[in-house]
Amino acid sequence: MLMPGADRIGSVKLFALMACSVALLFAQTREGNFNIRFEPIAKLQTGARIPFQITVTDALHKPLIDAKVTLQIETPDHQGTKVFPAPATDPGVYIAKPVFPTAGQWNVYVEVHRSDQMSARTVEFSVPD
C-alpha cells in the first residue's frame, strides 16, 4: 500500500532525474569539425623551445578565432606527457613552443576548444639526437 502523496513524490523525483539528464546532454562538448594543421617552424631538437605553428579553420574554411588551443607531447608509450598553451598570433593561427626532453618518436596532440565545441589531431614526429 502506498503512503499518501507517494505517487507525487515519485513523479517529482522522476522529473528531477530527467531534467538532470537533459542538462548533462547539453553540457557536454560536441565535435567542432575544425580543420587543424600544424608543423614545427624550426628544426626539431631536444632541450630547446620549438615553435609549432597551428592553423585552425572552421567548417567553412574560415580562420577560427577566439579558440583555446593547446599542444601536448608524449612518447608513443604515453610517457613524458606535457601540455603547452598555444596563444593566437593572427586570426586562426596559434603558436605553441614545446620542449622535447629526449630524442626519439613523439606524439604531438593538438586540441582546439571554442564555446562547447572541440576538435583534436595527433601527428607523430621524430626528434633527432
C-alpha atoms as a PDB file:
ATOM      1  CA  MET A   1       0.000   0.000   0.000  1.00  0.00           C
ATOM      2  CA  LEU A   2       1.336   3.432  -0.967  1.00  0.00           C
ATOM      3  CA  MET A   3       1.551   6.237   1.522  1.00  0.00           C
ATOM      4  CA  PRO A   4      -0.463   9.380   0.754  1.00  0.00           C
ATOM      5  CA  GLY A   5       1.485  11.619  -1.623  1.00  0.00           C
ATOM      6  CA  ALA A   6       3.950   8.839  -2.566  1.00  0.00           C
ATOM      7  CA  ASP A   7       2.830   8.979  -6.211  1.00  0.00           C
ATOM      8  CA  ARG A   8       3.506  12.712  -6.338  1.00  0.00           C
ATOM      9  CA  ILE A   9       6.969  12.325  -4.699  1.00  0.00           C
ATOM     10  CA  GLY A  10       7.860   9.579  -7.199  1.00  0.00           C
ATOM     11  CA  SER A  11       6.797  11.811 -10.091  1.00  0.00           C
ATOM     12  CA  VAL A  12       8.830  14.738  -8.776  1.00  0.00           C
ATOM     13  CA  LYS A  13      11.907  12.509  -8.391  1.00  0.00           C
ATOM     14  CA  LEU A  14      11.463  11.147 -11.926  1.00  0.00           C
ATOM     15  CA  PHE A  15      11.077  14.672 -13.332  1.00  0.00           C
ATOM     16  CA  ALA A  16      14.203  15.852 -11.475  1.00  0.00           C
ATOM     17  CA  LEU A  17      16.193  12.878 -12.774  1.00  0.00           C
ATOM     18  CA  MET A  18      15.083  13.540 -16.351  1.00  0.00           C
ATOM     19  CA  ALA A  19      15.872  17.271 -16.056  1.00  0.00           C
ATOM     20  CA  CYS A  20      19.397  16.491 -14.803  1.00  0.00           C
ATOM     21  CA  SER A  21      19.925  14.017 -17.652  1.00  0.00           C
ATOM     22  CA  VAL A  22      18.896  16.590 -20.255  1.00  0.00           C
ATOM     23  CA  ALA A  23      21.165  19.212 -18.674  1.00  0.00           C
ATOM     24  CA  LEU A  24      24.125  16.811 -18.826  1.00  0.00           C
ATOM     25  CA  LEU A  25      23.483  16.127 -22.502  1.00  0.00           C
ATOM     26  CA  PHE A  26      23.647  19.821 -23.343  1.00  0.00           C
ATOM     27  CA  ALA A  27      26.665  20.460 -21.109  1.00  0.00           C
ATOM     28  CA  GLN A  28      28.877  18.001 -22.991  1.00  0.00           C
ATOM     29  CA  THR A  29      31.403  19.106 -25.552  1.00  0.00           C
ATOM     30  CA  ARG A  30      30.494  18.321 -29.126  1.00  0.00           C
ATOM     31  CA  GLU A  31      32.629  17.810 -32.226  1.00  0.00           C
ATOM     32  CA  GLY A  32      33.731  21.148 -33.634  1.00  0.00           C
ATOM     33  CA  ASN A  33      34.550  19.934 -37.149  1.00  0.00           C
ATOM     34  CA  PHE A  34      37.584  22.242 -37.091  1.00  0.00           C
ATOM     35  CA  ASN A  35      40.384  21.714 -39.599  1.00  0.00           C
ATOM     36  CA  ILE A  36      43.688  21.579 -37.678  1.00  0.00           C
ATOM     37  CA  ARG A  37      47.082  21.765 -39.386  1.00  0.00           C
ATOM     38  CA  PHE A  38      50.368  22.090 -37.518  1.00  0.00           C
ATOM     39  CA  GLU A  39      54.087  21.831 -38.081  1.00  0.00           C
ATOM     40  CA  PRO A  40      57.329  22.904 -36.443  1.00  0.00           C
ATOM     41  CA  ILE A  41      58.726  26.143 -37.838  1.00  0.00           C
ATOM     42  CA  ALA A  42      62.240  25.413 -36.549  1.00  0.00           C
ATOM     43  CA  LYS A  43      64.472  22.346 -36.665  1.00  0.00           C
ATOM     44  CA  LEU A  44      63.322  19.664 -34.231  1.00  0.00           C
ATOM     45  CA  GLN A  45      65.867  19.135 -31.455  1.00  0.00           C
ATOM     46  CA  THR A  46      65.993  18.288 -27.779  1.00  0.00           C
ATOM     47  CA  GLY A  47      66.186  20.770 -24.923  1.00  0.00           C
ATOM     48  CA  ALA A  48      65.018  23.831 -26.878  1.00  0.00           C
ATOM     49  CA  ARG A  49      61.668  25.564 -27.285  1.00  0.00           C
ATOM     50  CA  ILE A  50      60.492  24.523 -30.758  1.00  0.00           C
ATOM     51  CA  PRO A  51      57.733  26.749 -32.160  1.00  0.00           C
ATOM     52  CA  PHE A  52      54.848  24.883 -33.777  1.00  0.00           C
ATOM     53  CA  GLN A  53      52.520  26.885 -35.991  1.00  0.00           C
ATOM     54  CA  ILE A  54      48.940  25.666 -35.619  1.00  0.00           C
ATOM     55  CA  THR A  55      46.424  26.803 -38.215  1.00  0.00           C
ATOM     56  CA  VAL A  56      42.749  26.238 -37.418  1.00  0.00           C
ATOM     57  CA  THR A  57      39.774  26.835 -39.701  1.00  0.00           C
ATOM     58  CA  ASP A  58      36.079  26.230 -39.196  1.00  0.00           C
ATOM     59  CA  ALA A  59      33.809  24.043 -41.334  1.00  0.00           C
ATOM     60  CA  LEU A  60      33.511  26.907 -43.852  1.00  0.00           C
ATOM     61  CA  HIS A  61      37.349  27.110 -44.115  1.00  0.00           C
ATOM     62  CA  LYS A  62      37.426  30.499 -42.352  1.00  0.00           C
ATOM     63  CA  PRO A  63      40.090  31.214 -39.678  1.00  0.00           C
ATOM     64  CA  LEU A  64      38.920  30.087 -36.248  1.00  0.00           C
ATOM     65  CA  ILE A  65      39.286  32.964 -33.808  1.00  0.00           C
ATOM     66  CA  ASP A  66      38.796  33.122 -30.031  1.00  0.00           C
ATOM     67  CA  ALA A  67      39.675  29.468 -29.527  1.00  0.00           C
ATOM     68  CA  LYS A  68      41.599  27.855 -26.684  1.00  0.00           C
ATOM     69  CA  VAL A  69      44.370  25.814 -28.269  1.00  0.00           C
ATOM     70  CA  THR A  70      46.826  23.503 -26.522  1.00  0.00           C
ATOM     71  CA  LEU A  71      49.624  21.291 -27.795  1.00  0.00           C
ATOM     72  CA  GLN A  72      50.553  18.146 -25.878  1.00  0.00           C
ATOM     73  CA  ILE A  73      53.635  15.984 -26.371  1.00  0.00           C
ATOM     74  CA  GLU A  74      54.176  12.429 -25.200  1.00  0.00           C
ATOM     75  CA  THR A  75      56.087   9.337 -26.240  1.00  0.00           C
ATOM     76  CA  PRO A  76      54.239   6.554 -28.096  1.00  0.00           C
ATOM     77  CA  ASP A  77      54.018   4.627 -24.795  1.00  0.00           C
ATOM     78  CA  HIS A  78      52.348   7.684 -23.162  1.00  0.00           C
ATOM     79  CA  GLN A  79      55.360   8.782 -21.091  1.00  0.00           C
ATOM     80  CA  GLY A  80      56.716  12.305 -20.645  1.00  0.00           C
ATOM     81  CA  THR A  81      53.355  13.970 -21.220  1.00  0.00           C
ATOM     82  CA  LYS A  82      53.488  17.770 -21.171  1.00  0.00           C
ATOM     83  CA  VAL A  83      50.897  20.332 -22.266  1.00  0.00           C
ATOM     84  CA  PHE A  84      51.778  23.720 -23.739  1.00  0.00           C
ATOM     85  CA  PRO A  85      49.426  26.656 -24.349  1.00  0.00           C
ATOM     86  CA  ALA A  86      49.150  27.990 -27.893  1.00  0.00           C
ATOM     87  CA  PRO A  87      48.202  31.676 -27.897  1.00  0.00           C
ATOM     88  CA  ALA A  88      46.864  33.278 -31.057  1.00  0.00           C
ATOM     89  CA  THR A  89      49.271  35.269 -33.219  1.00  0.00           C
ATOM     90  CA  ASP A  90      46.932  36.011 -36.140  1.00  0.00           C
ATOM     91  CA  PRO A  91      43.310  35.097 -36.896  1.00  0.00           C
ATOM     92  CA  GLY A  92      43.214  31.300 -36.959  1.00  0.00           C
ATOM     93  CA  VAL A  93      46.958  30.967 -36.253  1.00  0.00           C
ATOM     94  CA  TYR A  94      48.293  29.797 -32.901  1.00  0.00           C
ATOM     95  CA  ILE A  95      51.872  29.138 -31.719  1.00  0.00           C
ATOM     96  CA  ALA A  96      52.960  26.595 -29.106  1.00  0.00           C
ATOM     97  CA  LYS A  97      56.563  26.091 -28.026  1.00  0.00           C
ATOM     98  CA  PRO A  98      57.101  22.583 -26.662  1.00  0.00           C
ATOM     99  CA  VAL A  99      60.425  21.344 -25.337  1.00  0.00           C
ATOM    100  CA  PHE A 100      61.302  17.757 -26.247  1.00  0.00           C
ATOM    101  CA  PRO A 101      63.451  16.399 -23.392  1.00  0.00           C
ATOM    102  CA  THR A 102      64.859  13.429 -25.338  1.00  0.00           C
ATOM    103  CA  ALA A 103      65.372  12.255 -28.897  1.00  0.00           C
ATOM    104  CA  GLY A 104      63.016   9.692 -30.420  1.00  0.00           C
ATOM    105  CA  GLN A 105      59.425   9.354 -31.516  1.00  0.00           C
ATOM    106  CA  TRP A 106      56.929  11.819 -30.033  1.00  0.00           C
ATOM    107  CA  ASN A 107      53.181  12.102 -30.457  1.00  0.00           C
ATOM    108  CA  VAL A 108      52.102  15.720 -30.836  1.00  0.00           C
ATOM    109  CA  TYR A 109      48.428  16.199 -29.978  1.00  0.00           C
ATOM    110  CA  VAL A 110      46.650  19.492 -30.621  1.00  0.00           C
ATOM    111  CA  GLU A 111      43.288  20.208 -29.017  1.00  0.00           C
ATOM    112  CA  VAL A 112      41.070  23.137 -30.017  1.00  0.00           C
ATOM    113  CA  HIS A 113      38.098  24.360 -27.951  1.00  0.00           C
ATOM    114  CA  ARG A 114      35.641  27.093 -28.804  1.00  0.00           C
ATOM    115  CA  SER A 115      32.340  27.517 -26.977  1.00  0.00           C
ATOM    116  CA  ASP A 116      31.022  23.970 -26.482  1.00  0.00           C
ATOM    117  CA  GLN A 117      32.887  22.540 -29.489  1.00  0.00           C
ATOM    118  CA  MET A 118      36.168  20.620 -29.583  1.00  0.00           C
ATOM    119  CA  SER A 119      38.378  19.052 -32.244  1.00  0.00           C
ATOM    120  CA  ALA A 120      41.763  17.376 -31.941  1.00  0.00           C
ATOM    121  CA  ARG A 121      44.504  15.914 -34.097  1.00  0.00           C
ATOM    122  CA  THR A 122      47.621  13.832 -33.395  1.00  0.00           C
ATOM    123  CA  VAL A 123      50.756  13.557 -35.545  1.00  0.00           C
ATOM    124  CA  GLU A 124      53.910  11.585 -34.756  1.00  0.00           C
ATOM    125  CA  PHE A 125      57.270  13.354 -35.099  1.00  0.00           C
ATOM    126  CA  SER A 126      60.809  12.013 -34.874  1.00  0.00           C
ATOM    127  CA  VAL A 127      63.153  14.213 -32.830  1.00  0.00           C
ATOM    128  CA  PRO A 128      66.789  13.559 -33.808  1.00  0.00           C
ATOM    129  CA  ASP A 129      69.732  13.112 -31.429  1.00  0.00           C
END
